Structures are given as structure tokens and as C-alpha cells.
Amino acid sequence: MRYKLTFAVGLALGYVLGTRAGREQYEKMKKSVREFSQNPAVRNAAESAAQGGREAAGRAFHVVSDRVGDRVPSSVADRVRSLRERGQGDAEDDWGTSNT
């Protein structure tokens, strides 16, 4: 509940400040964010974080698989298997991020 309230307050505050700042300020902020996100150092850091997350997820998958074993219902196991097979040749995942 606390997080929902914090989010709602932040959303309301952002809306009020955004409407008072006007379109010009919005365009300046948008340009700053675009420049920041296109910075090679930022892109490298984001990609490193994504790669680390993928590696951690892979390790977690193996640990969970070993512990859960055959206790997973066959319908779930079939769905996971089909999702894995579908995604093996893709260069992008379902979130639109590249795996490079």
C-alpha cells in the first residue's frame, strides 16, 4: 500500500509540475533524456546490466530446475518448452531488447 501511495503522489506531483512548466520545458527535458540515453557509456552500462541479468536468470533457472524437478505439472513444462523453442532463433526477446 505504501508503494502505491508513493507512486500516486509522485504521479500527481509530476503532472502538476509538468503542466506548470509548459511545452518548452518538456521539449528541453525530452532532448536531455534522449542525449543521455544515446551516450555510449550509458548504453554500455545498460547492456552490461542486461547481460548480467540474463546470466543471473540462467543460473537461477538451473537452481530452480534442480530443486523443483518433476513436481512441475506437465502442462506448465510443455508451455515452457514451447516458449524456449520459439525463442531460440530470435535476436530479440519479447521486451524488444536485443541480446547482443
C-alpha atoms as a PDB file:
ATOM      1  CA  MET A   1       0.000   0.000   0.000  1.00  0.00           C
ATOM      2  CA  ARG A   2       2.839   2.347   0.850  1.00  0.00           C
ATOM      3  CA  TYR A   3       4.375   1.925  -2.602  1.00  0.00           C
ATOM      4  CA  LYS A   4       1.071   2.563  -4.346  1.00  0.00           C
ATOM      5  CA  LEU A   5       0.607   5.748  -2.358  1.00  0.00           C
ATOM      6  CA  THR A   6       4.170   6.872  -3.119  1.00  0.00           C
ATOM      7  CA  PHE A   7       3.609   6.180  -6.813  1.00  0.00           C
ATOM      8  CA  ALA A   8       0.311   8.099  -6.845  1.00  0.00           C
ATOM      9  CA  VAL A   9       1.877  11.096  -5.079  1.00  0.00           C
ATOM     10  CA  GLY A  10       4.819  11.061  -7.494  1.00  0.00           C
ATOM     11  CA  LEU A  11       2.476  10.841 -10.455  1.00  0.00           C
ATOM     12  CA  ALA A  12       0.369  13.744  -9.219  1.00  0.00           C
ATOM     13  CA  LEU A  13       3.439  15.851  -8.446  1.00  0.00           C
ATOM     14  CA  GLY A  14       4.905  15.123 -11.868  1.00  0.00           C
ATOM     15  CA  TYR A  15       1.639  16.071 -13.530  1.00  0.00           C
ATOM     16  CA  VAL A  16       1.358  19.374 -11.657  1.00  0.00           C
ATOM     17  CA  LEU A  17       4.976  20.331 -12.252  1.00  0.00           C
ATOM     18  CA  GLY A  18       4.741  19.262 -15.879  1.00  0.00           C
ATOM     19  CA  THR A  19       1.668  21.333 -16.588  1.00  0.00           C
ATOM     20  CA  ARG A  20       3.200  24.394 -14.961  1.00  0.00           C
ATOM     21  CA  ALA A  21       6.495  24.070 -16.808  1.00  0.00           C
ATOM     22  CA  GLY A  22       4.852  24.079 -20.220  1.00  0.00           C
ATOM     23  CA  ARG A  23       5.723  22.628 -23.583  1.00  0.00           C
ATOM     24  CA  GLU A  24       9.121  24.319 -23.924  1.00  0.00           C
ATOM     25  CA  GLN A  25      10.424  22.823 -20.696  1.00  0.00           C
ATOM     26  CA  TYR A  26       9.027  19.449 -21.712  1.00  0.00           C
ATOM     27  CA  GLU A  27      10.909  19.581 -25.009  1.00  0.00           C
ATOM     28  CA  LYS A  28      14.145  20.507 -23.188  1.00  0.00           C
ATOM     29  CA  MET A  29      13.762  17.581 -20.791  1.00  0.00           C
ATOM     30  CA  LYS A  30      12.948  15.228 -23.663  1.00  0.00           C
ATOM     31  CA  LYS A  31      16.071  16.337 -25.536  1.00  0.00           C
ATOM     32  CA  SER A  32      18.225  15.877 -22.411  1.00  0.00           C
ATOM     33  CA  VAL A  33      16.891  12.368 -21.829  1.00  0.00           C
ATOM     34  CA  ARG A  34      17.472  11.435 -25.483  1.00  0.00           C
ATOM     35  CA  GLU A  35      21.069  12.712 -25.363  1.00  0.00           C
ATOM     36  CA  PHE A  36      21.675  10.880 -22.097  1.00  0.00           C
ATOM     37  CA  SER A  37      20.264   7.601 -23.392  1.00  0.00           C
ATOM     38  CA  GLN A  38      22.335   7.810 -26.591  1.00  0.00           C
ATOM     39  CA  ASN A  39      25.575   8.335 -24.691  1.00  0.00           C
ATOM     40  CA  PRO A  40      27.867   5.357 -25.447  1.00  0.00           C
ATOM     41  CA  ALA A  41      28.888   4.994 -21.797  1.00  0.00           C
ATOM     42  CA  VAL A  42      25.252   4.812 -20.700  1.00  0.00           C
ATOM     43  CA  ARG A  43      24.393   2.338 -23.458  1.00  0.00           C
ATOM     44  CA  ASN A  44      27.360   0.132 -22.493  1.00  0.00           C
ATOM     45  CA  ALA A  45      26.385   0.222 -18.828  1.00  0.00           C
ATOM     46  CA  ALA A  46      22.781  -0.663 -19.663  1.00  0.00           C
ATOM     47  CA  GLU A  47      23.865  -3.531 -21.883  1.00  0.00           C
ATOM     48  CA  SER A  48      26.265  -4.819 -19.209  1.00  0.00           C
ATOM     49  CA  ALA A  49      23.454  -4.726 -16.666  1.00  0.00           C
ATOM     50  CA  ALA A  50      21.126  -6.542 -19.062  1.00  0.00           C
ATOM     51  CA  GLN A  51      23.746  -9.194 -19.762  1.00  0.00           C
ATOM     52  CA  GLY A  52      24.354  -9.667 -16.044  1.00  0.00           C
ATOM     53  CA  GLY A  53      20.622 -10.037 -15.523  1.00  0.00           C
ATOM     54  CA  ARG A  54      20.379 -12.651 -18.255  1.00  0.00           C
ATOM     55  CA  GLU A  55      23.273 -14.598 -16.719  1.00  0.00           C
ATOM     56  CA  ALA A  56      21.730 -14.424 -13.243  1.00  0.00           C
ATOM     57  CA  ALA A  57      18.383 -15.570 -14.643  1.00  0.00           C
ATOM     58  CA  GLY A  58      20.096 -18.502 -16.338  1.00  0.00           C
ATOM     59  CA  ARG A  59      21.793 -19.543 -13.105  1.00  0.00           C
ATOM     60  CA  ALA A  60      18.543 -19.167 -11.184  1.00  0.00           C
ATOM     61  CA  PHE A  61      16.745 -21.263 -13.790  1.00  0.00           C
ATOM     62  CA  HIS A  62      19.162 -24.150 -13.294  1.00  0.00           C
ATOM     63  CA  VAL A  63      18.950 -23.957  -9.499  1.00  0.00           C
ATOM     64  CA  VAL A  64      15.157 -23.896  -9.557  1.00  0.00           C
ATOM     65  CA  SER A  65      15.008 -26.681 -12.144  1.00  0.00           C
ATOM     66  CA  ASP A  66      17.206 -28.892  -9.967  1.00  0.00           C
ATOM     67  CA  ARG A  67      15.106 -28.249  -6.871  1.00  0.00           C
ATOM     68  CA  VAL A  68      11.677 -28.471  -8.458  1.00  0.00           C
ATOM     69  CA  GLY A  69      12.427 -31.398 -10.724  1.00  0.00           C
ATOM     70  CA  ASP A  70       9.397 -33.438 -11.718  1.00  0.00           C
ATOM     71  CA  ARG A  71       6.977 -31.598  -9.446  1.00  0.00           C
ATOM     72  CA  VAL A  72       6.001 -29.181 -12.230  1.00  0.00           C
ATOM     73  CA  PRO A  73       2.710 -30.081 -13.927  1.00  0.00           C
ATOM     74  CA  SER A  74       3.154 -31.347 -17.476  1.00  0.00           C
ATOM     75  CA  SER A  75       1.046 -28.506 -18.883  1.00  0.00           C
ATOM     76  CA  VAL A  76       3.471 -25.946 -17.445  1.00  0.00           C
ATOM     77  CA  ALA A  77       6.512 -27.900 -18.595  1.00  0.00           C
ATOM     78  CA  ASP A  78       5.076 -28.137 -22.130  1.00  0.00           C
ATOM     79  CA  ARG A  79       4.405 -24.392 -22.221  1.00  0.00           C
ATOM     80  CA  VAL A  80       7.929 -23.556 -21.050  1.00  0.00           C
ATOM     81  CA  ARG A  81       9.402 -25.946 -23.598  1.00  0.00           C
ATOM     82  CA  SER A  82       7.389 -24.380 -26.449  1.00  0.00           C
ATOM     83  CA  LEU A  83       8.408 -20.871 -25.388  1.00  0.00           C
ATOM     84  CA  ARG A  84      12.052 -21.910 -25.296  1.00  0.00           C
ATOM     85  CA  GLU A  85      11.883 -23.488 -28.734  1.00  0.00           C
ATOM     86  CA  ARG A  86      10.145 -20.450 -30.188  1.00  0.00           C
ATOM     87  CA  GLY A  87      12.738 -18.051 -28.807  1.00  0.00           C
ATOM     88  CA  GLN A  88      15.937 -19.885 -29.741  1.00  0.00           C
ATOM     89  CA  GLY A  89      16.365 -18.280 -33.177  1.00  0.00           C
ATOM     90  CA  ASP A  90      15.218 -14.786 -32.216  1.00  0.00           C
ATOM     91  CA  ALA A  91      17.670 -11.921 -31.930  1.00  0.00           C
ATOM     92  CA  GLU A  92      15.204 -10.023 -29.738  1.00  0.00           C
ATOM     93  CA  ASP A  93      13.245 -11.077 -26.726  1.00  0.00           C
ATOM     94  CA  ASP A  94       9.594 -10.223 -26.044  1.00  0.00           C
ATOM     95  CA  TRP A  95      10.587  -6.937 -24.420  1.00  0.00           C
ATOM     96  CA  GLY A  96      12.151  -5.525 -27.579  1.00  0.00           C
ATOM     97  CA  THR A  97      15.704  -5.539 -26.279  1.00  0.00           C
ATOM     98  CA  SER A  98      18.494  -7.107 -28.245  1.00  0.00           C
ATOM     99  CA  ASN A  99      20.573  -9.992 -26.990  1.00  0.00           C
ATOM    100  CA  THR A 100      23.774  -8.615 -28.475  1.00  0.00           C
END
